[in-house]
Amino acid sequence: MTRIIYKQENGRVAIIQPCTWETNPATGEKFTVEEVAAKCVPNGKKYKIIEESDIPSDRTFRNAWTVDESDLTDGVGAAA
C-alpha cells in the first residue's frame, strides 16, 4: 500500500493513507493516489508518494520523524 507524506507547518511529517477504493465523481473511476494527494495535501505543500514499508513501524518517536524538503518531489498539494 502506498502513503503520501508531506511536511506540516510545525515541521512534523504528515502521513496520508489514500482511499483509492472510492469513486471519483468527476471521472467515474477509482481515485488515483495522485488525485488523493492533490485533494488532501494542503495548498502549496510538496509531497512524496511512498510505500508503507518505508515508514518506521516503531511509532514511539513518531513526532520526531523528519523528511528533507528536497525529497518531496512527487507534486504540490492543491487543497484549500
Protein backbone atom coordinates (compact mmCIF):
# COMPACT_ATOMS: atom_id res chain seq x y z
CA MET A 1 0.00 0.00 0.00
CA THR A 2 1.15 3.50 -0.72
CA ARG A 3 1.18 6.51 1.57
CA ILE A 4 1.53 10.23 0.95
CA ILE A 5 3.86 12.26 3.15
CA TYR A 6 4.37 16.00 3.47
CA LYS A 7 5.88 18.41 5.97
CA GLN A 8 3.40 20.28 8.16
CA GLU A 9 3.79 23.91 9.21
CA ASN A 10 5.10 22.76 12.60
CA GLY A 11 7.82 20.69 10.88
CA ARG A 12 6.26 17.31 11.65
CA VAL A 13 5.74 14.70 8.96
CA ALA A 14 2.11 14.13 7.99
CA ILE A 15 1.13 10.73 6.57
CA ILE A 16 -1.99 10.24 4.47
CA GLN A 17 -3.43 6.80 3.77
CA PRO A 18 -5.15 7.31 0.41
CA CYS A 19 -8.63 5.85 -0.04
CA THR A 20 -8.25 4.74 -3.65
CA TRP A 21 -11.27 2.42 -3.39
CA GLU A 22 -13.68 5.36 -3.57
CA THR A 23 -15.06 6.54 -6.90
CA ASN A 24 -14.12 9.97 -8.20
CA PRO A 25 -17.46 11.54 -9.19
CA ALA A 26 -15.72 13.67 -11.84
CA THR A 27 -14.35 10.66 -13.73
CA GLY A 28 -16.48 7.71 -12.61
CA GLU A 29 -13.22 5.82 -11.92
CA LYS A 30 -11.47 4.98 -8.66
CA PHE A 31 -9.38 7.82 -7.23
CA THR A 32 -5.69 7.58 -8.08
CA VAL A 33 -3.06 8.23 -5.41
CA GLU A 34 -2.11 11.40 -7.28
CA GLU A 35 -5.72 12.65 -7.19
CA VAL A 36 -5.93 11.96 -3.46
CA ALA A 37 -2.66 13.82 -2.89
CA ALA A 38 -3.79 16.84 -4.88
CA LYS A 39 -7.08 16.89 -2.96
CA CYS A 40 -5.77 16.19 0.56
CA VAL A 41 -2.31 17.76 0.80
CA PRO A 42 -2.61 21.42 1.82
CA ASN A 43 -2.26 24.00 -0.91
CA GLY A 44 1.37 24.66 -1.84
CA LYS A 45 2.84 21.82 0.25
CA LYS A 46 5.23 19.48 -1.57
CA TYR A 47 4.57 15.77 -1.13
CA LYS A 48 6.05 12.35 -1.82
CA ILE A 49 4.26 9.07 -2.54
CA ILE A 50 6.00 6.23 -0.72
CA GLU A 51 5.41 2.60 0.18
CA GLU A 52 4.02 1.84 3.62
CA SER A 53 7.10 -0.33 4.25
CA ASP A 54 9.26 2.84 4.07
CA ILE A 55 7.58 4.19 7.21
CA PRO A 56 9.15 3.13 10.53
CA SER A 57 6.99 0.54 12.26
CA ASP A 58 8.04 1.77 15.72
CA ARG A 59 5.75 4.71 16.45
CA THR A 60 7.39 5.53 19.80
CA PHE A 61 9.14 8.63 18.44
CA ARG A 62 6.68 9.42 15.66
CA ASN A 63 6.70 13.15 16.44
CA ALA A 64 10.46 13.16 15.82
CA TRP A 65 10.25 11.73 12.29
CA THR A 66 11.70 14.07 9.68
CA VAL A 67 11.74 14.43 5.93
CA ASP A 68 14.02 16.61 3.86
CA GLU A 69 12.08 19.13 1.75
CA SER A 70 14.23 18.19 -1.27
CA ASP A 71 12.85 14.61 -1.10
CA LEU A 72 9.25 15.77 -1.58
CA THR A 73 9.31 15.58 -5.36
CA ASP A 74 6.04 13.98 -6.48
CA GLY A 75 3.84 17.07 -6.57
CA VAL A 76 2.31 20.01 -4.75
CA GLY A 77 -0.98 19.93 -2.88
CA ALA A 78 -3.96 21.92 -4.07
CA ALA A 79 -6.36 21.50 -1.14
CA ALA A 80 -7.79 24.75 0.14
